[in-house]
Amino acid sequence: MALPDDDLSTSSALVIDANPTSRSVLVSQLRDFGMGTVVQTARLVDARRQLEYRKFDVVLCELHFAGDTMTGQDLLDDLRRNQLLPFSTVFIMVTGEATYAKVAEAAESALDGYLLKPHKANQLGERLRQARIRKASLQDIFIAIEAEDFETAASLCQHRFETKGLFWLYAARVGAELMLRVGKFAQAQKLYQAVVAAKTLPWAKLGVARSLLDEGQTARAVSTLENLISEDPNYADAYDVMGRAQFEQGKFADALATYKMASTLTPASISRLQNLGLMSYYCGDRKGAEQVLDRTARLGLDSKMFDCQTLVLLAFARFESGDRKGLQRCRDDFARLIERNPDNARQQRLSAIVDALQLLEKGQFAQALESIRSQCQRIKDPDFDFESASNLLALLAQLAHKAIQLDEVDAVATTLGLRFAGTRALSELLAGAAATHPPYADLIRSAHQQVLKLAETAMALSMGGDPQAAVIDLIRHGQETLSGKLIETAYLVLHRYADKIKNASELNPLVHDLRVRYSTQITRAALGEQKRQAGGLTLRAGGKSTKPAPAA
């Protein structure tokens, strides 16, 4: 099977694999691709000799060699460290080991590909094609390097970075290394700093970052994404994952910048436009959010990727700007969605928010107040979720902005804050929703601090040797506030110190009931309803869903 428009007849390859069957398969596949010369070896020591004295266009290397203390990764690292492997050589690791650690290690060493056994010929072909496209794009740089004209190569890299040419981030990395080699330390440092300042993210083995995020190790996920080498800065999924991680950390401004980059790379992506629009709204850029959300609705209303929370925030933005016709279009769009899915409870609930906004806009305050009061009465219902809390707070803030007062509003805002503002990110999302009336945002942040103090008091009891008192205290406050953080903390303390808690068997059902009834396991900040895995976000926390709770 030949690769179209990719003549390999003048190219050479080295296959390094101790298993004769596996080696034979790789050799045959390369020859089928039209590779001009294929050399094979069963030992790493022999491979080293070959690579020290000959130039190969492609190297396929097994990771593990039985009875050898050296691995294929060690060979690659050694060759790179001693500058024995040309930048233009495509180096692909072939292995049956698929652990995240190995994938991350491979990415760190500037590997061109990571091929998992058993593989199909077209999978190998695609790895080769992708790597060769990058090598061809950077050929002038590699020619200068091979001629040991490092100054020229560094200059070409600098130009590629500054003009954001194809593979500009990889060029920046090579250029900085070259500057270090020729002793231009200040220039190298400047280039590294420019890469950091550009907020660009590396190409990533998304499985590494996603697994860390799914385990709640957000800081490690961010570290992994920041340190992996980006061979393709146009890989938008990497930006999705970083935006996700920054969002969970409550670094909304950083997440917004990341989502802008992802949307710029893929301007027709509905999910990325939604992420950008939602993030812009909660960061306070209502005008920018309205433009992005409007474009999202026009592009994606009939798509399965479309999330109707987009229409809710678009309606709020149009309400604030006095766009009566635009607000009516949001209501009409909801009518279309509900007509297609009459049994969708979420769409019905979100449509009610837009209905209330339209009543306010028309001056029908009595009907609007009736609708809002009805929602306020549900704030302790098990199925009242984070999304509902956010939208209700935004409605209450609009009421206050119009100088329409409800006696119970302060108590409602505090109750919502105690129940849902368990983390800084969740707290700031709720505060952002209420930003039109700052006193409500202050109530949310105050409630967040109150929850933290209650959790700290309980943990002090636990660390002081009385975990039973800590669990009882957390259950009591959890029942009063319905705080996901307090209920989950009670669960963690109870299970960690079960052998030290005399009545653990009695407390366990209480905690279990609270967790199940109020779905407090969902405590991570998120936006919208998840549609795609790489960077999809969901604004659901502390409420039941008809589907299993997705990761943020």
Protein backbone atom coordinates (compact mmCIF):
# COMPACT_ATOMS: atom_id res chain seq x y z
CA MET A 1 0.00 0.00 0.00
CA ALA A 2 1.67 3.19 -1.21
CA LEU A 3 1.10 6.57 0.34
CA PRO A 4 -0.40 8.84 -2.31
CA ASP A 5 1.78 11.79 -3.37
CA ASP A 6 4.48 10.67 -0.97
CA ASP A 7 7.44 9.12 -2.79
CA LEU A 8 9.61 7.18 -0.35
CA SER A 9 11.75 5.49 -3.01
CA THR A 10 14.82 7.55 -2.14
CA SER A 11 14.25 7.33 1.63
CA SER A 12 15.83 4.94 4.10
CA ALA A 13 14.50 3.38 7.30
CA LEU A 14 15.90 1.49 10.28
CA VAL A 15 13.73 -1.04 12.13
CA ILE A 16 14.88 -1.97 15.66
CA ASP A 17 12.98 -4.88 17.21
CA ALA A 18 14.18 -8.05 18.97
CA ASN A 19 11.05 -9.99 17.98
CA PRO A 20 11.65 -11.45 14.50
CA THR A 21 7.94 -11.66 13.66
CA SER A 22 7.21 -8.09 14.70
CA ARG A 23 10.34 -6.87 12.94
CA SER A 24 9.38 -8.68 9.76
CA VAL A 25 5.89 -7.12 9.80
CA LEU A 26 7.32 -3.62 10.14
CA VAL A 27 9.88 -4.18 7.40
CA SER A 28 7.19 -5.52 5.05
CA GLN A 29 4.87 -2.59 5.73
CA LEU A 30 7.61 -0.07 5.05
CA ARG A 31 8.51 -1.79 1.79
CA ASP A 32 4.84 -1.82 0.83
CA PHE A 33 4.81 1.95 1.36
CA GLY A 34 7.63 2.17 -1.20
CA MET A 35 10.53 2.80 1.19
CA GLY A 36 13.73 2.65 -0.85
CA THR A 37 16.07 1.14 1.75
CA VAL A 38 15.09 -0.75 4.90
CA VAL A 39 17.74 -1.86 7.39
CA GLN A 40 16.82 -4.03 10.37
CA THR A 41 18.51 -4.92 13.64
CA ALA A 42 17.53 -6.95 16.69
CA ARG A 43 19.78 -5.21 19.25
CA LEU A 44 19.96 -1.65 20.53
CA VAL A 45 23.76 -1.69 20.56
CA ASP A 46 23.77 -2.51 16.84
CA ALA A 47 21.15 0.18 16.24
CA ARG A 48 23.33 2.73 17.99
CA ARG A 49 26.21 1.94 15.64
CA GLN A 50 24.00 2.25 12.61
CA LEU A 51 22.62 5.62 13.80
CA GLU A 52 26.05 6.96 14.70
CA TYR A 53 27.46 6.36 11.23
CA ARG A 54 24.47 6.49 8.93
CA LYS A 55 21.61 8.88 8.38
CA PHE A 56 18.10 7.40 8.25
CA ASP A 57 14.94 9.21 7.25
CA VAL A 58 12.77 6.97 9.45
CA VAL A 59 13.47 4.94 12.59
CA LEU A 60 10.93 2.47 13.99
CA CYS A 61 12.05 1.28 17.43
CA GLU A 62 10.56 -1.17 19.93
CA LEU A 63 10.37 0.21 23.47
CA HIS A 64 11.35 -2.92 25.46
CA PHE A 65 14.13 -5.43 24.77
CA ALA A 66 14.17 -8.59 26.89
CA GLY A 67 17.44 -9.08 28.76
CA ASP A 68 18.66 -5.59 27.94
CA THR A 69 18.83 -2.89 30.60
CA MET A 70 18.49 -0.26 27.89
CA THR A 71 15.12 0.61 26.34
CA GLY A 72 14.24 2.24 23.07
CA GLN A 73 13.46 5.38 25.04
CA ASP A 74 16.97 5.34 26.52
CA LEU A 75 18.45 5.05 23.04
CA LEU A 76 16.41 8.01 21.79
CA ASP A 77 17.30 10.16 24.81
CA ASP A 78 20.98 9.34 24.44
CA LEU A 79 21.02 10.12 20.74
CA ARG A 80 19.23 13.44 21.30
CA ARG A 81 21.47 14.40 24.20
CA ASN A 82 24.63 13.75 22.19
CA GLN A 83 23.28 15.31 19.01
CA LEU A 84 23.64 12.08 17.06
CA LEU A 85 20.14 12.01 15.62
CA PRO A 86 19.36 14.58 12.91
CA PHE A 87 16.29 16.72 13.52
CA SER A 88 15.03 15.61 10.12
CA THR A 89 14.89 11.93 11.13
CA VAL A 90 11.41 10.63 11.93
CA PHE A 91 11.62 8.52 15.11
CA ILE A 92 8.55 6.41 15.98
CA MET A 93 8.35 4.20 19.07
CA VAL A 94 6.51 0.90 18.63
CA THR A 95 5.26 -0.83 21.76
CA GLY A 96 2.56 -2.94 23.34
CA GLU A 97 2.63 -0.75 26.47
CA ALA A 98 -0.07 1.92 26.55
CA THR A 99 0.31 3.44 30.01
CA TYR A 100 -0.18 7.16 30.38
CA ALA A 101 3.26 7.49 31.92
CA LYS A 102 4.92 6.04 28.82
CA VAL A 103 2.90 8.25 26.50
CA ALA A 104 3.87 11.31 28.51
CA GLU A 105 7.53 10.23 28.59
CA ALA A 106 7.51 9.79 24.82
CA ALA A 107 6.03 13.24 24.27
CA GLU A 108 8.62 14.81 26.58
CA SER A 109 11.46 13.40 24.44
CA ALA A 110 10.19 15.00 21.20
CA LEU A 111 9.12 11.69 19.71
CA ASP A 112 7.48 11.85 16.29
CA GLY A 113 5.00 9.08 16.97
CA TYR A 114 3.90 6.39 19.39
CA LEU A 115 2.52 3.30 17.67
CA LEU A 116 0.67 0.74 19.78
CA LYS A 117 0.82 -2.97 18.95
CA PRO A 118 -0.98 -4.61 17.30
CA HIS A 119 -1.32 -1.96 14.61
CA LYS A 120 -2.61 -1.82 11.06
CA ALA A 121 -0.54 -0.70 8.11
CA ASN A 122 -2.65 2.42 7.59
CA GLN A 123 -1.98 3.48 11.20
CA LEU A 124 1.76 3.33 10.63
CA GLY A 125 1.30 5.09 7.31
CA GLU A 126 -0.60 7.93 8.94
CA ARG A 127 2.09 8.37 11.63
CA LEU A 128 4.74 8.56 8.92
CA ARG A 129 2.72 11.01 6.85
CA GLN A 130 2.11 13.40 9.75
CA ALA A 131 5.75 13.35 10.79
CA ARG A 132 7.04 13.82 7.24
CA ILE A 133 4.71 16.78 6.64
CA ARG A 134 6.22 18.51 9.64
CA LYS A 135 9.77 17.62 8.60
CA ALA A 136 9.15 18.89 5.06
CA SER A 137 7.70 22.14 6.36
CA LEU A 138 10.82 22.76 8.45
CA GLN A 139 13.29 21.48 5.84
CA ASP A 140 15.19 24.76 5.41
CA ILE A 141 15.85 24.81 9.15
CA PHE A 142 17.05 21.21 9.19
CA ILE A 143 19.35 21.79 6.18
CA ALA A 144 21.00 24.66 8.02
CA ILE A 145 21.38 22.53 11.15
CA GLU A 146 22.96 19.66 9.24
CA ALA A 147 25.37 22.13 7.65
CA GLU A 148 26.19 23.27 11.21
CA ASP A 149 25.08 26.76 10.31
CA PHE A 150 23.37 27.12 13.66
CA GLU A 151 23.08 30.92 13.49
CA THR A 152 21.09 30.73 10.26
CA ALA A 153 18.95 27.88 11.59
CA ALA A 154 18.19 29.84 14.77
CA SER A 155 17.29 32.90 12.71
CA LEU A 156 14.91 30.84 10.56
CA CYS A 157 13.30 29.43 13.71
CA GLN A 158 12.90 32.91 15.16
CA HIS A 159 11.24 34.11 11.94
CA ARG A 160 8.89 31.09 11.86
CA PHE A 161 7.88 31.80 15.47
CA GLU A 162 7.33 35.53 14.98
CA THR A 163 5.23 35.07 11.81
CA LYS A 164 3.30 32.16 13.36
CA GLY A 165 4.15 30.00 10.36
CA LEU A 166 3.31 26.31 10.18
CA PHE A 167 4.67 24.40 13.21
CA TRP A 168 5.88 27.69 14.70
CA LEU A 169 5.89 26.41 18.27
CA TYR A 170 8.12 23.47 17.43
CA ALA A 171 10.40 25.86 15.51
CA ALA A 172 10.61 28.06 18.60
CA ARG A 173 11.74 25.11 20.70
CA VAL A 174 14.41 24.13 18.17
CA GLY A 175 15.51 27.75 17.81
CA ALA A 176 15.90 28.22 21.55
CA GLU A 177 18.00 25.05 21.78
CA LEU A 178 20.21 26.29 18.95
CA MET A 179 20.70 29.64 20.66
CA LEU A 180 21.81 27.85 23.79
CA ARG A 181 24.24 25.80 21.73
CA VAL A 182 25.93 28.87 20.25
CA GLY A 183 26.02 30.67 23.60
CA LYS A 184 23.26 33.21 22.97
CA PHE A 185 21.71 32.62 26.37
CA ALA A 186 19.85 35.94 26.66
CA GLN A 187 18.23 35.45 23.24
CA ALA A 188 17.31 31.89 24.08
CA GLN A 189 15.70 33.02 27.32
CA LYS A 190 13.78 35.74 25.47
CA LEU A 191 12.44 33.21 22.98
CA TYR A 192 11.38 30.83 25.73
CA GLN A 193 9.62 33.70 27.51
CA ALA A 194 7.87 34.67 24.27
CA VAL A 195 6.53 31.13 23.94
CA VAL A 196 5.21 31.28 27.51
CA ALA A 197 3.71 34.75 27.00
CA ALA A 198 1.95 33.57 23.83
CA LYS A 199 -0.22 31.28 25.98
CA THR A 200 0.26 28.51 23.48
CA LEU A 201 -0.15 24.93 24.52
CA PRO A 202 1.77 21.86 23.47
CA TRP A 203 0.42 19.10 21.33
CA ALA A 204 -0.61 16.67 23.92
CA LYS A 205 -1.42 13.08 24.34
CA LEU A 206 -4.87 14.01 25.48
CA GLY A 207 -5.25 10.76 27.37
CA VAL A 208 -2.62 11.95 29.85
CA ALA A 209 -4.28 15.28 30.64
CA ARG A 210 -7.82 13.92 30.49
CA SER A 211 -7.05 11.07 32.87
CA LEU A 212 -5.52 13.50 35.35
CA LEU A 213 -8.55 15.77 35.07
CA ASP A 214 -10.94 12.87 35.52
CA GLU A 215 -9.08 11.90 38.68
CA GLY A 216 -9.39 15.46 39.97
CA GLN A 217 -5.65 16.13 39.63
CA THR A 218 -6.17 19.42 37.88
CA ALA A 219 -2.83 20.97 38.81
CA ARG A 220 -0.94 17.95 37.46
CA ALA A 221 -3.02 18.03 34.28
CA VAL A 222 -2.07 21.67 33.77
CA SER A 223 1.58 20.85 34.42
CA THR A 224 1.45 17.98 31.91
CA LEU A 225 -0.09 20.19 29.24
CA GLU A 226 2.40 22.98 29.84
CA ASN A 227 5.45 20.73 29.66
CA LEU A 228 4.60 18.43 26.76
CA ILE A 229 6.14 19.56 23.50
CA SER A 230 3.77 20.86 20.90
CA GLU A 231 4.65 19.55 17.49
CA ASP A 232 1.45 20.94 16.00
CA PRO A 233 0.10 24.21 17.44
CA ASN A 234 -3.04 23.79 15.32
CA TYR A 235 -4.17 20.81 17.40
CA ALA A 236 -7.24 22.51 18.85
CA ASP A 237 -8.16 19.65 21.19
CA ALA A 238 -5.11 20.49 23.30
CA TYR A 239 -6.53 23.98 23.86
CA ASP A 240 -9.86 22.46 24.82
CA VAL A 241 -8.24 20.39 27.55
CA MET A 242 -6.17 23.27 28.89
CA GLY A 243 -9.22 25.53 28.93
CA ARG A 244 -11.05 22.83 30.85
CA ALA A 245 -8.27 22.61 33.41
CA GLN A 246 -7.97 26.38 33.82
CA PHE A 247 -11.72 26.62 34.21
CA GLU A 248 -11.76 24.03 36.98
CA GLN A 249 -9.05 25.98 38.78
CA GLY A 250 -11.20 29.10 38.63
CA LYS A 251 -8.70 30.85 36.34
CA PHE A 252 -11.45 32.17 34.11
CA ALA A 253 -9.40 34.87 32.37
CA ASP A 254 -6.82 32.26 31.35
CA ALA A 255 -9.57 29.88 30.24
CA LEU A 256 -11.15 32.64 28.18
CA ALA A 257 -7.85 33.33 26.39
CA THR A 258 -7.44 29.61 25.73
CA TYR A 259 -10.95 29.22 24.34
CA LYS A 260 -10.36 32.21 22.07
CA MET A 261 -7.33 30.42 20.65
CA ALA A 262 -9.30 27.18 20.13
CA SER A 263 -12.15 29.04 18.44
CA THR A 264 -9.71 30.95 16.22
CA LEU A 265 -8.22 27.66 15.05
CA THR A 266 -11.64 26.17 14.29
CA PRO A 267 -14.04 29.09 13.69
CA ALA A 268 -16.89 26.82 12.58
CA SER A 269 -16.79 24.59 15.66
CA ILE A 270 -20.09 24.90 17.50
CA SER A 271 -18.83 23.44 20.77
CA ARG A 272 -15.83 25.76 20.85
CA LEU A 273 -17.93 28.79 20.03
CA GLN A 274 -20.23 27.81 22.90
CA ASN A 275 -17.33 27.48 25.30
CA LEU A 276 -16.02 30.89 24.24
CA GLY A 277 -19.44 32.53 24.47
CA LEU A 278 -20.29 31.06 27.88
CA MET A 279 -16.85 31.90 29.26
CA SER A 280 -17.04 35.47 27.90
CA TYR A 281 -20.40 35.95 29.58
CA TYR A 282 -19.25 34.76 33.00
CA CYS A 283 -16.08 36.84 32.71
CA GLY A 284 -18.27 39.93 32.35
CA ASP A 285 -17.78 40.63 28.64
CA ARG A 286 -21.48 40.74 27.82
CA LYS A 287 -21.06 42.50 24.49
CA GLY A 288 -18.45 40.06 23.24
CA ALA A 289 -20.45 37.14 24.60
CA GLU A 290 -23.58 38.29 22.78
CA GLN A 291 -21.76 38.30 19.44
CA VAL A 292 -20.29 34.83 19.95
CA LEU A 293 -23.48 33.32 21.37
CA ASP A 294 -25.51 34.77 18.50
CA ARG A 295 -23.14 33.23 15.98
CA THR A 296 -23.33 29.91 17.82
CA ALA A 297 -27.13 29.93 17.68
CA ARG A 298 -27.16 30.77 13.98
CA LEU A 299 -24.62 28.05 13.18
CA GLY A 300 -25.76 25.31 15.49
CA LEU A 301 -29.39 25.54 16.53
CA ASP A 302 -30.26 22.40 14.55
CA SER A 303 -27.09 20.56 15.51
CA LYS A 304 -26.77 17.87 18.17
CA MET A 305 -23.72 19.77 19.37
CA PHE A 306 -25.86 22.77 20.33
CA ASP A 307 -26.48 23.44 24.02
CA CYS A 308 -29.62 25.42 24.83
CA GLN A 309 -27.94 27.18 27.78
CA THR A 310 -26.43 29.22 24.95
CA LEU A 311 -29.89 30.64 24.23
CA VAL A 312 -30.43 31.47 27.90
CA LEU A 313 -27.26 33.56 28.18
CA LEU A 314 -27.92 35.11 24.78
CA ALA A 315 -31.35 36.12 26.07
CA PHE A 316 -29.80 37.71 29.17
CA ALA A 317 -27.30 39.62 27.02
CA ARG A 318 -30.05 40.87 24.70
CA PHE A 319 -32.23 41.81 27.66
CA GLU A 320 -29.41 43.90 29.10
CA SER A 321 -28.80 45.62 25.76
CA GLY A 322 -32.51 46.32 25.23
CA ASP A 323 -32.76 44.15 22.10
CA ARG A 324 -36.47 43.30 22.20
CA LYS A 325 -36.52 41.58 18.80
CA GLY A 326 -33.42 39.55 19.65
CA LEU A 327 -35.01 38.42 22.91
CA GLN A 328 -38.10 37.34 21.00
CA ARG A 329 -35.90 35.30 18.64
CA CYS A 330 -34.45 33.46 21.64
CA ARG A 331 -37.98 32.62 22.78
CA ASP A 332 -38.93 31.48 19.26
CA ASP A 333 -35.81 29.32 19.06
CA PHE A 334 -36.75 27.62 22.33
CA ALA A 335 -40.24 26.99 20.97
CA ARG A 336 -38.67 25.20 17.98
CA LEU A 337 -36.44 23.09 20.23
CA ILE A 338 -39.31 22.11 22.51
CA GLU A 339 -41.52 21.27 19.54
CA ARG A 340 -38.88 18.79 18.42
CA ASN A 341 -38.29 17.44 21.95
CA PRO A 342 -41.49 17.98 23.97
CA ASP A 343 -40.37 15.65 26.77
CA ASN A 344 -37.02 17.35 27.41
CA ALA A 345 -37.33 18.67 30.98
CA ARG A 346 -34.13 20.69 30.78
CA GLN A 347 -35.29 22.59 27.72
CA GLN A 348 -38.59 23.32 29.43
CA ARG A 349 -36.80 24.61 32.51
CA LEU A 350 -34.42 26.82 30.56
CA SER A 351 -37.22 28.13 28.36
CA ALA A 352 -38.99 29.34 31.52
CA ILE A 353 -36.01 31.58 32.24
CA VAL A 354 -36.32 33.25 28.84
CA ASP A 355 -40.09 33.57 29.32
CA ALA A 356 -39.51 35.42 32.61
CA LEU A 357 -37.01 37.75 30.94
CA GLN A 358 -39.50 38.57 28.20
CA LEU A 359 -42.20 39.33 30.79
CA LEU A 360 -39.79 41.74 32.50
CA GLU A 361 -38.89 43.34 29.20
CA LYS A 362 -42.58 43.90 28.40
CA GLY A 363 -43.20 45.39 31.83
CA GLN A 364 -45.47 42.54 32.92
CA PHE A 365 -43.89 42.52 36.37
CA ALA A 366 -46.63 40.69 38.26
CA GLN A 367 -46.40 37.65 35.97
CA ALA A 368 -42.63 37.78 36.00
CA LEU A 369 -42.54 37.88 39.80
CA GLU A 370 -44.91 34.94 39.98
CA SER A 371 -42.61 32.89 37.76
CA ILE A 372 -39.49 33.87 39.69
CA ARG A 373 -41.10 33.22 43.08
CA SER A 374 -42.09 29.77 41.85
CA GLN A 375 -38.45 29.05 41.04
CA CYS A 376 -37.31 30.43 44.40
CA GLN A 377 -39.55 27.93 46.17
CA ARG A 378 -37.67 25.04 44.53
CA ILE A 379 -34.14 25.94 45.57
CA LYS A 380 -33.91 23.07 48.08
CA ASP A 381 -35.46 20.46 45.80
CA PRO A 382 -33.14 17.53 45.06
CA ASP A 383 -33.33 18.14 41.30
CA PHE A 384 -32.56 21.87 41.53
CA ASP A 385 -29.06 21.94 40.08
CA PHE A 386 -26.17 24.35 39.68
CA GLU A 387 -27.35 25.48 36.28
CA SER A 388 -30.77 26.36 37.73
CA ALA A 389 -29.09 28.24 40.60
CA SER A 390 -26.95 30.24 38.18
CA ASN A 391 -29.88 31.22 35.99
CA LEU A 392 -32.09 32.11 38.95
CA LEU A 393 -29.41 34.34 40.43
CA ALA A 394 -29.06 36.10 37.08
CA LEU A 395 -32.83 36.69 37.04
CA LEU A 396 -32.82 38.04 40.59
CA ALA A 397 -29.95 40.37 39.70
CA GLN A 398 -31.94 41.72 36.75
CA LEU A 399 -34.90 42.35 39.07
CA ALA A 400 -32.71 44.31 41.46
CA HIS A 401 -31.18 46.23 38.57
CA LYS A 402 -34.68 47.38 37.66
CA ALA A 403 -35.28 48.35 41.31
CA ILE A 404 -37.85 45.57 41.75
CA GLN A 405 -37.38 44.14 45.23
CA LEU A 406 -38.42 40.76 46.63
CA ASP A 407 -38.21 40.50 50.40
CA GLU A 408 -36.83 36.98 50.30
CA VAL A 409 -34.09 37.58 47.72
CA ASP A 410 -31.15 37.96 50.11
CA ALA A 411 -32.08 34.73 51.86
CA VAL A 412 -32.42 32.95 48.50
CA ALA A 413 -29.01 34.14 47.32
CA THR A 414 -27.39 33.03 50.57
CA THR A 415 -29.11 29.64 50.41
CA LEU A 416 -27.90 29.11 46.84
CA GLY A 417 -24.38 30.13 47.82
CA LEU A 418 -24.28 27.75 50.78
CA ARG A 419 -25.59 24.88 48.68
CA PHE A 420 -23.57 25.32 45.49
CA ALA A 421 -20.54 27.56 46.14
CA GLY A 422 -18.36 24.79 47.56
CA THR A 423 -15.27 25.65 45.52
CA ARG A 424 -13.74 28.91 44.40
CA ALA A 425 -14.57 28.18 40.77
CA LEU A 426 -18.22 27.41 41.54
CA SER A 427 -18.42 30.47 43.76
CA GLU A 428 -17.06 32.76 41.07
CA LEU A 429 -19.40 31.30 38.45
CA LEU A 430 -22.40 32.09 40.65
CA ALA A 431 -21.00 35.52 41.45
CA GLY A 432 -20.52 36.11 37.73
CA ALA A 433 -24.14 35.20 37.09
CA ALA A 434 -25.23 37.78 39.68
CA ALA A 435 -22.74 40.43 38.54
CA THR A 436 -25.49 42.80 37.36
CA HIS A 437 -26.26 43.44 41.05
CA PRO A 438 -22.94 43.28 42.98
CA PRO A 439 -24.51 42.86 46.46
CA TYR A 440 -25.80 39.44 45.41
CA ALA A 441 -22.33 38.47 44.16
CA ASP A 442 -21.00 39.50 47.59
CA LEU A 443 -23.57 37.26 49.28
CA ILE A 444 -22.37 34.31 47.20
CA ARG A 445 -18.74 34.89 48.08
CA SER A 446 -19.64 35.31 51.75
CA ALA A 447 -21.55 32.00 51.69
CA HIS A 448 -18.51 30.32 50.11
CA GLN A 449 -16.32 31.56 52.96
CA GLN A 450 -18.88 30.30 55.48
CA VAL A 451 -18.82 26.82 53.93
CA LEU A 452 -15.02 26.79 54.00
CA LYS A 453 -15.00 27.73 57.70
CA LEU A 454 -17.49 24.97 58.53
CA ALA A 455 -15.35 22.45 56.65
CA GLU A 456 -12.17 23.68 58.36
CA THR A 457 -13.77 23.41 61.80
CA ALA A 458 -14.81 19.84 61.12
CA MET A 459 -11.40 18.91 59.77
CA ALA A 460 -9.77 20.39 62.87
CA LEU A 461 -11.92 18.06 64.98
CA SER A 462 -10.87 15.13 62.83
CA MET A 463 -7.16 15.98 62.93
CA GLY A 464 -7.50 16.54 66.68
CA GLY A 465 -8.48 12.91 67.18
CA ASP A 466 -12.29 13.11 67.11
CA PRO A 467 -13.40 12.14 63.58
CA GLN A 468 -16.81 11.07 64.90
CA ALA A 469 -17.57 14.60 66.08
CA ALA A 470 -16.32 15.90 62.73
CA VAL A 471 -18.69 13.64 60.76
CA ILE A 472 -21.67 14.48 62.99
CA ASP A 473 -20.90 18.20 62.62
CA LEU A 474 -20.61 17.90 58.83
CA ILE A 475 -23.82 15.91 58.53
CA ARG A 476 -25.72 18.46 60.61
CA HIS A 477 -24.49 21.41 58.58
CA GLY A 478 -24.86 19.43 55.37
CA GLN A 479 -28.53 18.80 56.12
CA GLU A 480 -29.05 22.48 56.88
CA THR A 481 -27.22 23.90 53.87
CA LEU A 482 -27.33 20.99 51.38
CA SER A 483 -23.72 21.96 50.68
CA GLY A 484 -22.08 19.46 48.36
CA LYS A 485 -18.69 20.27 49.85
CA LEU A 486 -19.78 19.56 53.42
CA ILE A 487 -21.62 16.36 52.52
CA GLU A 488 -18.69 15.06 50.48
CA THR A 489 -16.26 15.98 53.26
CA ALA A 490 -18.41 14.00 55.71
CA TYR A 491 -18.22 11.03 53.33
CA LEU A 492 -14.43 11.25 53.04
CA VAL A 493 -13.83 11.57 56.79
CA LEU A 494 -16.25 8.74 57.55
CA HIS A 495 -14.52 6.34 55.18
CA ARG A 496 -11.00 7.36 56.07
CA TYR A 497 -11.52 6.93 59.83
CA ALA A 498 -14.24 4.27 59.83
CA ASP A 499 -12.29 2.13 62.30
CA LYS A 500 -12.10 5.04 64.78
CA ILE A 501 -15.79 6.02 64.59
CA LYS A 502 -17.91 3.92 66.97
CA ASN A 503 -21.27 4.51 65.29
CA ALA A 504 -19.98 4.53 61.70
CA SER A 505 -22.63 1.99 60.71
CA GLU A 506 -25.34 4.45 61.79
CA LEU A 507 -23.77 7.52 60.20
CA ASN A 508 -23.01 5.86 56.87
CA PRO A 509 -26.68 5.58 55.71
CA LEU A 510 -27.24 9.26 56.55
CA VAL A 511 -24.29 10.38 54.45
CA HIS A 512 -25.17 7.98 51.65
CA ASP A 513 -28.75 9.28 51.51
CA LEU A 514 -27.58 12.90 51.31
CA ARG A 515 -25.07 12.11 48.57
CA VAL A 516 -27.55 10.22 46.44
CA ARG A 517 -30.51 12.56 46.98
CA TYR A 518 -28.60 15.74 46.16
CA SER A 519 -25.97 14.30 43.78
CA THR A 520 -23.23 16.01 45.75
CA GLN A 521 -20.52 13.96 44.01
CA ILE A 522 -20.81 16.47 41.16
CA THR A 523 -18.82 19.32 42.67
CA ARG A 524 -16.68 20.45 39.76
CA ALA A 525 -17.15 23.72 37.92
CA ALA A 526 -18.48 23.30 34.40
CA LEU A 527 -20.35 25.08 31.62
CA GLY A 528 -23.28 23.90 29.53
CA GLU A 529 -24.18 20.33 28.71
CA GLN A 530 -21.31 18.09 27.64
CA LYS A 531 -21.25 17.36 23.93
CA ARG A 532 -17.69 16.33 23.19
CA GLN A 533 -15.00 14.66 25.25
CA ALA A 534 -11.86 16.62 24.46
CA GLY A 535 -12.93 19.97 25.83
CA GLY A 536 -16.63 19.84 26.42
CA LEU A 537 -17.83 21.51 29.60
CA THR A 538 -20.96 21.14 31.62
CA LEU A 539 -22.57 23.59 34.05
CA ARG A 540 -23.98 20.88 36.29
CA ALA A 541 -23.04 20.51 39.92
CA GLY A 542 -24.99 19.34 42.91
CA GLY A 543 -28.12 18.35 41.04
CA LYS A 544 -29.55 15.19 39.55
CA SER A 545 -29.46 14.51 35.88
CA THR A 546 -31.22 12.06 33.66
CA LYS A 547 -27.82 10.89 32.49
CA PRO A 548 -24.75 9.82 34.41
CA ALA A 549 -22.84 12.87 35.54
CA PRO A 550 -20.14 13.67 33.00
CA ALA A 551 -16.72 14.92 33.91
CA ALA A 552 -16.45 18.67 33.64
